[in-house]
Amino acid sequence: MNLSQAYEQWEETTKQQGVQEGVQLERRQVVENLLRFRFGFVDEELSRVVDSLLQLTPEEFTPLCLQLSREDLLARFNSHQ
């Protein structure tokens, strides 16, 4: 493999990683916005739940964010950490 091929491979890998990180950031913002809409704020306790919610698909986390009480969310997801 010559230098230009190695560079092109590195560049493509870097672009893919950037896209994946962008998607994760967007999903985090969606979850935080849902919680902020529901509860008016996202404090430290709720922010710890966000990572657990991000392990779910949007179809799974959206109803949970909109239907479960704050206490139910904390109880359900704090036990998984």
PDB file of N, CA and C in Angstrom:
ATOM      1  N   MET A   1       0.864  -1.171   0.000  1.00  0.00           N
ATOM      2  CA  MET A   1       0.000   0.000   0.000  1.00  0.00           C
ATOM      3  C   MET A   1       0.908   1.230   0.000  1.00  0.00           C
ATOM      4  N   ASN A   2       0.650   2.143  -0.935  1.00  0.00           N
ATOM      5  CA  ASN A   2       1.482   3.348  -0.971  1.00  0.00           C
ATOM      6  C   ASN A   2       0.887   4.432  -0.084  1.00  0.00           C
ATOM      7  N   LEU A   3       1.603   5.517   0.045  1.00  0.00           N
ATOM      8  CA  LEU A   3       1.220   6.587   0.964  1.00  0.00           C
ATOM      9  C   LEU A   3      -0.135   7.194   0.620  1.00  0.00           C
ATOM     10  N   SER A   4      -0.420   7.404  -0.653  1.00  0.00           N
ATOM     11  CA  SER A   4      -1.704   8.029  -1.014  1.00  0.00           C
ATOM     12  C   SER A   4      -2.875   7.091  -0.708  1.00  0.00           C
ATOM     13  N   GLN A   5      -2.676   5.787  -0.894  1.00  0.00           N
ATOM     14  CA  GLN A   5      -3.743   4.838  -0.547  1.00  0.00           C
ATOM     15  C   GLN A   5      -3.987   4.831   0.960  1.00  0.00           C
ATOM     16  N   ALA A   6      -2.914   4.857   1.724  1.00  0.00           N
ATOM     17  CA  ALA A   6      -3.042   4.885   3.183  1.00  0.00           C
ATOM     18  C   ALA A   6      -3.753   6.162   3.623  1.00  0.00           C
ATOM     19  N   TYR A   7      -3.419   7.281   3.000  1.00  0.00           N
ATOM     20  CA  TYR A   7      -4.063   8.551   3.340  1.00  0.00           C
ATOM     21  C   TYR A   7      -5.552   8.509   3.001  1.00  0.00           C
ATOM     22  N   GLU A   8      -5.869   7.997   1.821  1.00  0.00           N
ATOM     23  CA  GLU A   8      -7.278   7.914   1.412  1.00  0.00           C
ATOM     24  C   GLU A   8      -8.066   7.018   2.368  1.00  0.00           C
ATOM     25  N   GLN A   9      -7.467   5.917   2.782  1.00  0.00           N
ATOM     26  CA  GLN A   9      -8.144   5.025   3.727  1.00  0.00           C
ATOM     27  C   GLN A   9      -8.340   5.724   5.076  1.00  0.00           C
ATOM     28  N   TRP A  10      -7.317   6.411   5.544  1.00  0.00           N
ATOM     29  CA  TRP A  10      -7.412   7.158   6.801  1.00  0.00           C
ATOM     30  C   TRP A  10      -8.495   8.229   6.701  1.00  0.00           C
ATOM     31  N   GLU A  11      -8.527   8.942   5.575  1.00  0.00           N
ATOM     32  CA  GLU A  11      -9.500  10.012   5.382  1.00  0.00           C
ATOM     33  C   GLU A  11     -10.929   9.462   5.405  1.00  0.00           C
ATOM     34  N   GLU A  12     -11.167   8.342   4.727  1.00  0.00           N
ATOM     35  CA  GLU A  12     -12.496   7.734   4.699  1.00  0.00           C
ATOM     36  C   GLU A  12     -12.909   7.263   6.094  1.00  0.00           C
ATOM     37  N   THR A  13     -12.000   6.637   6.811  1.00  0.00           N
ATOM     38  CA  THR A  13     -12.281   6.177   8.172  1.00  0.00           C
ATOM     39  C   THR A  13     -12.612   7.357   9.072  1.00  0.00           C
ATOM     40  N   THR A  14     -11.864   8.434   8.950  1.00  0.00           N
ATOM     41  CA  THR A  14     -12.097   9.630   9.757  1.00  0.00           C
ATOM     42  C   THR A  14     -13.463  10.235   9.455  1.00  0.00           C
ATOM     43  N   LYS A  15     -13.844  10.272   8.184  1.00  0.00           N
ATOM     44  CA  LYS A  15     -15.164  10.802   7.810  1.00  0.00           C
ATOM     45  C   LYS A  15     -16.276   9.944   8.408  1.00  0.00           C
ATOM     46  N   GLN A  16     -16.126   8.627   8.325  1.00  0.00           N
ATOM     47  CA  GLN A  16     -17.148   7.733   8.871  1.00  0.00           C
ATOM     48  C   GLN A  16     -17.289   7.906  10.378  1.00  0.00           C
ATOM     49  N   GLN A  17     -16.160   8.049  11.066  1.00  0.00           N
ATOM     50  CA  GLN A  17     -16.211   8.255  12.514  1.00  0.00           C
ATOM     51  C   GLN A  17     -16.903   9.571  12.839  1.00  0.00           C
ATOM     52  N   GLY A  18     -16.635  10.604  12.059  1.00  0.00           N
ATOM     53  CA  GLY A  18     -17.274  11.900  12.270  1.00  0.00           C
ATOM     54  C   GLY A  18     -18.779  11.823  12.092  1.00  0.00           C
ATOM     55  N   VAL A  19     -19.216  11.088  11.080  1.00  0.00           N
ATOM     56  CA  VAL A  19     -20.650  10.918  10.839  1.00  0.00           C
ATOM     57  C   VAL A  19     -21.287  10.177  12.009  1.00  0.00           C
ATOM     58  N   GLN A  20     -20.645   9.102  12.472  1.00  0.00           N
ATOM     59  CA  GLN A  20     -21.188   8.333  13.593  1.00  0.00           C
ATOM     60  C   GLN A  20     -21.274   9.179  14.853  1.00  0.00           C
ATOM     61  N   GLU A  21     -20.251   9.979  15.115  1.00  0.00           N
ATOM     62  CA  GLU A  21     -20.267  10.844  16.295  1.00  0.00           C
ATOM     63  C   GLU A  21     -21.365  11.896  16.163  1.00  0.00           C
ATOM     64  N   GLY A  22     -21.573  12.396  14.954  1.00  0.00           N
ATOM     65  CA  GLY A  22     -22.635  13.375  14.725  1.00  0.00           C
ATOM     66  C   GLY A  22     -24.010  12.782  14.980  1.00  0.00           C
ATOM     67  N   VAL A  23     -24.212  11.554  14.550  1.00  0.00           N
ATOM     68  CA  VAL A  23     -25.491  10.867  14.771  1.00  0.00           C
ATOM     69  C   VAL A  23     -25.715  10.662  16.265  1.00  0.00           C
ATOM     70  N   GLN A  24     -24.686  10.248  16.980  1.00  0.00           N
ATOM     71  CA  GLN A  24     -24.814  10.044  18.426  1.00  0.00           C
ATOM     72  C   GLN A  24     -25.138  11.357  19.135  1.00  0.00           C
ATOM     73  N   LEU A  25     -24.502  12.444  18.710  1.00  0.00           N
ATOM     74  CA  LEU A  25     -24.766  13.746  19.312  1.00  0.00           C
ATOM     75  C   LEU A  25     -26.204  14.178  19.046  1.00  0.00           C
ATOM     76  N   GLU A  26     -26.688  13.955  17.831  1.00  0.00           N
ATOM     77  CA  GLU A  26     -28.074  14.303  17.495  1.00  0.00           C
ATOM     78  C   GLU A  26     -29.052  13.482  18.328  1.00  0.00           C
ATOM     79  N   ARG A  27     -28.787  12.199  18.477  1.00  0.00           N
ATOM     80  CA  ARG A  27     -29.675  11.353  19.282  1.00  0.00           C
ATOM     81  C   ARG A  27     -29.680  11.805  20.731  1.00  0.00           C
ATOM     82  N   ARG A  28     -28.507  12.160  21.263  1.00  0.00           N
ATOM     83  CA  ARG A  28     -28.424  12.670  22.640  1.00  0.00           C
ATOM     84  C   ARG A  28     -29.270  13.924  22.781  1.00  0.00           C
ATOM     85  N   GLN A  29     -29.181  14.812  21.802  1.00  0.00           N
ATOM     86  CA  GLN A  29     -29.957  16.052  21.860  1.00  0.00           C
ATOM     87  C   GLN A  29     -31.448  15.765  21.807  1.00  0.00           C
ATOM     88  N   VAL A  30     -31.853  14.788  21.018  1.00  0.00           N
ATOM     89  CA  VAL A  30     -33.271  14.418  20.944  1.00  0.00           C
ATOM     90  C   VAL A  30     -33.758  13.923  22.298  1.00  0.00           C
ATOM     91  N   VAL A  31     -33.009  13.020  22.924  1.00  0.00           N
ATOM     92  CA  VAL A  31     -33.408  12.474  24.224  1.00  0.00           C
ATOM     93  C   VAL A  31     -33.467  13.587  25.268  1.00  0.00           C
ATOM     94  N   GLU A  32     -32.437  14.425  25.302  1.00  0.00           N
ATOM     95  CA  GLU A  32     -32.425  15.518  26.276  1.00  0.00           C
ATOM     96  C   GLU A  32     -33.577  16.483  26.028  1.00  0.00           C
ATOM     97  N   ASN A  33     -33.903  16.751  24.767  1.00  0.00           N
ATOM     98  CA  ASN A  33     -35.035  17.641  24.461  1.00  0.00           C
ATOM     99  C   ASN A  33     -36.362  17.024  24.887  1.00  0.00           C
ATOM    100  N   LEU A  34     -36.515  15.718  24.686  1.00  0.00           N
ATOM    101  CA  LEU A  34     -37.741  15.049  25.136  1.00  0.00           C
ATOM    102  C   LEU A  34     -37.890  15.151  26.651  1.00  0.00           C
ATOM    103  N   LEU A  35     -36.798  14.908  27.357  1.00  0.00           N
ATOM    104  CA  LEU A  35     -36.851  15.004  28.822  1.00  0.00           C
ATOM    105  C   LEU A  35     -37.090  16.441  29.270  1.00  0.00           C
ATOM    106  N   ARG A  36     -36.465  17.391  28.604  1.00  0.00           N
ATOM    107  CA  ARG A  36     -36.658  18.807  28.945  1.00  0.00           C
ATOM    108  C   ARG A  36     -38.113  19.218  28.680  1.00  0.00           C
ATOM    109  N   PHE A  37     -38.680  18.749  27.568  1.00  0.00           N
ATOM    110  CA  PHE A  37     -40.089  19.033  27.252  1.00  0.00           C
ATOM    111  C   PHE A  37     -41.000  18.453  28.327  1.00  0.00           C
ATOM    112  N   ARG A  38     -40.699  17.236  28.736  1.00  0.00           N
ATOM    113  CA  ARG A  38     -41.558  16.541  29.692  1.00  0.00           C
ATOM    114  C   ARG A  38     -41.445  17.096  31.108  1.00  0.00           C
ATOM    115  N   PHE A  39     -40.201  17.379  31.550  1.00  0.00           N
ATOM    116  CA  PHE A  39     -39.987  17.736  32.945  1.00  0.00           C
ATOM    117  C   PHE A  39     -39.541  19.183  33.158  1.00  0.00           C
ATOM    118  N   GLY A  40     -39.298  19.902  32.072  1.00  0.00           N
ATOM    119  CA  GLY A  40     -38.932  21.312  32.176  1.00  0.00           C
ATOM    120  C   GLY A  40     -37.445  21.552  32.340  1.00  0.00           C
ATOM    121  N   PHE A  41     -36.683  20.515  32.611  1.00  0.00           N
ATOM    122  CA  PHE A  41     -35.236  20.636  32.813  1.00  0.00           C
ATOM    123  C   PHE A  41     -34.624  19.239  32.778  1.00  0.00           C
ATOM    124  N   VAL A  42     -33.321  19.200  32.610  1.00  0.00           N
ATOM    125  CA  VAL A  42     -32.573  17.948  32.724  1.00  0.00           C
ATOM    126  C   VAL A  42     -31.487  18.187  33.759  1.00  0.00           C
ATOM    127  N   ASP A  43     -31.713  17.672  34.949  1.00  0.00           N
ATOM    128  CA  ASP A  43     -30.727  17.835  36.020  1.00  0.00           C
ATOM    129  C   ASP A  43     -29.721  16.688  35.980  1.00  0.00           C
ATOM    130  N   GLU A  44     -28.870  16.637  36.972  1.00  0.00           N
ATOM    131  CA  GLU A  44     -27.813  15.624  37.011  1.00  0.00           C
ATOM    132  C   GLU A  44     -28.374  14.204  37.029  1.00  0.00           C
ATOM    133  N   GLU A  45     -29.448  13.985  37.791  1.00  0.00           N
ATOM    134  CA  GLU A  45     -30.040  12.643  37.862  1.00  0.00           C
ATOM    135  C   GLU A  45     -30.569  12.199  36.502  1.00  0.00           C
ATOM    136  N   LEU A  46     -31.320  13.084  35.839  1.00  0.00           N
ATOM    137  CA  LEU A  46     -31.862  12.728  34.529  1.00  0.00           C
ATOM    138  C   LEU A  46     -30.755  12.580  33.491  1.00  0.00           C
ATOM    139  N   SER A  47     -29.716  13.384  33.582  1.00  0.00           N
ATOM    140  CA  SER A  47     -28.641  13.277  32.598  1.00  0.00           C
ATOM    141  C   SER A  47     -27.935  11.925  32.698  1.00  0.00           C
ATOM    142  N   ARG A  48     -27.929  11.306  33.875  1.00  0.00           N
ATOM    143  CA  ARG A  48     -27.344   9.965  34.012  1.00  0.00           C
ATOM    144  C   ARG A  48     -28.188   8.904  33.319  1.00  0.00           C
ATOM    145  N   VAL A  49     -29.471   9.159  33.151  1.00  0.00           N
ATOM    146  CA  VAL A  49     -30.380   8.225  32.490  1.00  0.00           C
ATOM    147  C   VAL A  49     -30.217   8.280  30.970  1.00  0.00           C
ATOM    148  N   VAL A  50     -29.741   9.409  30.465  1.00  0.00           N
ATOM    149  CA  VAL A  50     -29.652   9.615  29.018  1.00  0.00           C
ATOM    150  C   VAL A  50     -28.810   8.534  28.348  1.00  0.00           C
ATOM    151  N   ASP A  51     -27.655   8.200  28.905  1.00  0.00           N
ATOM    152  CA  ASP A  51     -26.802   7.178  28.297  1.00  0.00           C
ATOM    153  C   ASP A  51     -27.518   5.836  28.180  1.00  0.00           C
ATOM    154  N   SER A  52     -28.286   5.492  29.180  1.00  0.00           N
ATOM    155  CA  SER A  52     -29.049   4.238  29.124  1.00  0.00           C
ATOM    156  C   SER A  52     -30.127   4.310  28.053  1.00  0.00           C
ATOM    157  N   LEU A  53     -30.795   5.432  27.959  1.00  0.00           N
ATOM    158  CA  LEU A  53     -31.826   5.595  26.929  1.00  0.00           C
ATOM    159  C   LEU A  53     -31.237   5.524  25.527  1.00  0.00           C
ATOM    160  N   LEU A  54     -30.007   5.995  25.368  1.00  0.00           N
ATOM    161  CA  LEU A  54     -29.371   5.976  24.052  1.00  0.00           C
ATOM    162  C   LEU A  54     -29.018   4.568  23.582  1.00  0.00           C
ATOM    163  N   GLN A  55     -29.068   3.601  24.467  1.00  0.00           N
ATOM    164  CA  GLN A  55     -28.840   2.215  24.075  1.00  0.00           C
ATOM    165  C   GLN A  55     -30.065   1.640  23.364  1.00  0.00           C
ATOM    166  N   LEU A  56     -31.193   2.326  23.474  1.00  0.00           N
ATOM    167  CA  LEU A  56     -32.449   1.893  22.854  1.00  0.00           C
ATOM    168  C   LEU A  56     -32.624   2.553  21.497  1.00  0.00           C
ATOM    169  N   THR A  57     -33.509   2.012  20.692  1.00  0.00           N
ATOM    170  CA  THR A  57     -33.858   2.639  19.424  1.00  0.00           C
ATOM    171  C   THR A  57     -34.769   3.837  19.699  1.00  0.00           C
ATOM    172  N   PRO A  58     -34.864   4.774  18.757  1.00  0.00           N
ATOM    173  CA  PRO A  58     -35.791   5.896  18.943  1.00  0.00           C
ATOM    174  C   PRO A  58     -37.233   5.436  19.177  1.00  0.00           C
ATOM    175  N   GLU A  59     -37.614   4.344  18.536  1.00  0.00           N
ATOM    176  CA  GLU A  59     -38.972   3.819  18.728  1.00  0.00           C
ATOM    177  C   GLU A  59     -39.187   3.330  20.163  1.00  0.00           C
ATOM    178  N   GLU A  60     -38.102   2.923  20.812  1.00  0.00           N
ATOM    179  CA  GLU A  60     -38.201   2.454  22.195  1.00  0.00           C
ATOM    180  C   GLU A  60     -38.066   3.594  23.194  1.00  0.00           C
ATOM    181  N   PHE A  61     -37.111   4.524  22.967  1.00  0.00           N
ATOM    182  CA  PHE A  61     -36.890   5.552  23.986  1.00  0.00           C
ATOM    183  C   PHE A  61     -37.918   6.675  23.958  1.00  0.00           C
ATOM    184  N   THR A  62     -38.519   6.965  22.811  1.00  0.00           N
ATOM    185  CA  THR A  62     -39.468   8.076  22.736  1.00  0.00           C
ATOM    186  C   THR A  62     -40.672   7.873  23.646  1.00  0.00           C
ATOM    187  N   PRO A  63     -41.371   6.735  23.563  1.00  0.00           N
ATOM    188  CA  PRO A  63     -42.514   6.569  24.469  1.00  0.00           C
ATOM    189  C   PRO A  63     -42.115   6.560  25.941  1.00  0.00           C
ATOM    190  N   LEU A  64     -40.942   5.995  26.246  1.00  0.00           N
ATOM    191  CA  LEU A  64     -40.499   5.986  27.633  1.00  0.00           C
ATOM    192  C   LEU A  64     -40.309   7.402  28.155  1.00  0.00           C
ATOM    193  N   CYS A  65     -39.687   8.247  27.332  1.00  0.00           N
ATOM    194  CA  CYS A  65     -39.463   9.642  27.742  1.00  0.00           C
ATOM    195  C   CYS A  65     -40.769  10.401  27.917  1.00  0.00           C
ATOM    196  N   LEU A  66     -41.753  10.066  27.110  1.00  0.00           N
ATOM    197  CA  LEU A  66     -43.006  10.819  27.138  1.00  0.00           C
ATOM    198  C   LEU A  66     -44.049  10.236  28.087  1.00  0.00           C
ATOM    199  N   GLN A  67     -43.909   8.977  28.473  1.00  0.00           N
ATOM    200  CA  GLN A  67     -44.950   8.348  29.278  1.00  0.00           C
ATOM    201  C   GLN A  67     -44.545   8.061  30.719  1.00  0.00           C
ATOM    202  N   LEU A  68     -43.280   7.688  30.942  1.00  0.00           N
ATOM    203  CA  LEU A  68     -42.881   7.346  32.303  1.00  0.00           C
ATOM    204  C   LEU A  68     -42.683   8.598  33.143  1.00  0.00           C
ATOM    205  N   SER A  69     -43.003   8.484  34.400  1.00  0.00           N
ATOM    206  CA  SER A  69     -42.740   9.596  35.319  1.00  0.00           C
ATOM    207  C   SER A  69     -41.238   9.704  35.543  1.00  0.00           C
ATOM    208  N   ARG A  70     -40.833  10.824  36.083  1.00  0.00           N
ATOM    209  CA  ARG A  70     -39.421  11.031  36.408  1.00  0.00           C
ATOM    210  C   ARG A  70     -38.920   9.919  37.332  1.00  0.00           C
ATOM    211  N   GLU A  71     -39.708   9.605  38.333  1.00  0.00           N
ATOM    212  CA  GLU A  71     -39.326   8.579  39.299  1.00  0.00           C
ATOM    213  C   GLU A  71     -39.199   7.207  38.638  1.00  0.00           C
ATOM    214  N   ASP A  72     -40.130   6.907  37.718  1.00  0.00           N
ATOM    215  CA  ASP A  72     -40.072   5.618  37.021  1.00  0.00           C
ATOM    216  C   ASP A  72     -38.848   5.528  36.114  1.00  0.00           C
ATOM    217  N   LEU A  73     -38.531   6.622  35.414  1.00  0.00           N
ATOM    218  CA  LEU A  73     -37.331   6.637  34.576  1.00  0.00           C
ATOM    219  C   LEU A  73     -36.078   6.411  35.415  1.00  0.00           C
ATOM    220  N   LEU A  74     -35.983   7.135  36.524  1.00  0.00           N
ATOM    221  CA  LEU A  74     -34.820   6.997  37.395  1.00  0.00           C
ATOM    222  C   LEU A  74     -34.711   5.584  37.967  1.00  0.00           C
ATOM    223  N   ALA A  75     -35.818   5.040  38.404  1.00  0.00           N
ATOM    224  CA  ALA A  75     -35.805   3.700  38.974  1.00  0.00           C
ATOM    225  C   ALA A  75     -35.450   2.650  37.922  1.00  0.00           C
ATOM    226  N   ARG A  76     -35.987   2.803  36.739  1.00  0.00           N
ATOM    227  CA  ARG A  76     -35.745   1.813  35.675  1.00  0.00           C
ATOM    228  C   ARG A  76     -34.315   1.832  35.185  1.00  0.00           C
ATOM    229  N   PHE A  77     -33.747   3.020  35.002  1.00  0.00           N
ATOM    230  CA  PHE A  77     -32.442   3.110  34.360  1.00  0.00           C
ATOM    231  C   PHE A  77     -31.287   3.285  35.326  1.00  0.00           C
ATOM    232  N   ASN A  78     -31.511   3.757  36.515  1.00  0.00           N
ATOM    233  CA  ASN A  78     -30.411   3.840  37.470  1.00  0.00           C
ATOM    234  C   ASN A  78     -30.012   2.470  37.981  1.00  0.00           C
ATOM    235  N   SER A  79     -30.934   1.524  37.937  1.00  0.00           N
ATOM    236  CA  SER A  79     -30.611   0.165  38.391  1.00  0.00           C
ATOM    237  C   SER A  79     -29.710  -0.551  37.388  1.00  0.00           C
ATOM    238  N   HIS A  80     -29.634  -0.062  36.138  1.00  0.00           N
ATOM    239  CA  HIS A  80     -28.806  -0.694  35.100  1.00  0.00           C
ATOM    240  C   HIS A  80     -27.377  -0.193  35.109  1.00  0.00           C
ATOM    241  N   GLN A  81     -27.063   0.769  35.956  1.00  0.00           N
ATOM    242  CA  GLN A  81     -25.720   1.351  35.940  1.00  0.00           C
ATOM    243  C   GLN A  81     -24.851   0.783  37.018  1.00  0.00           C
TER     244      GLN A  81
END
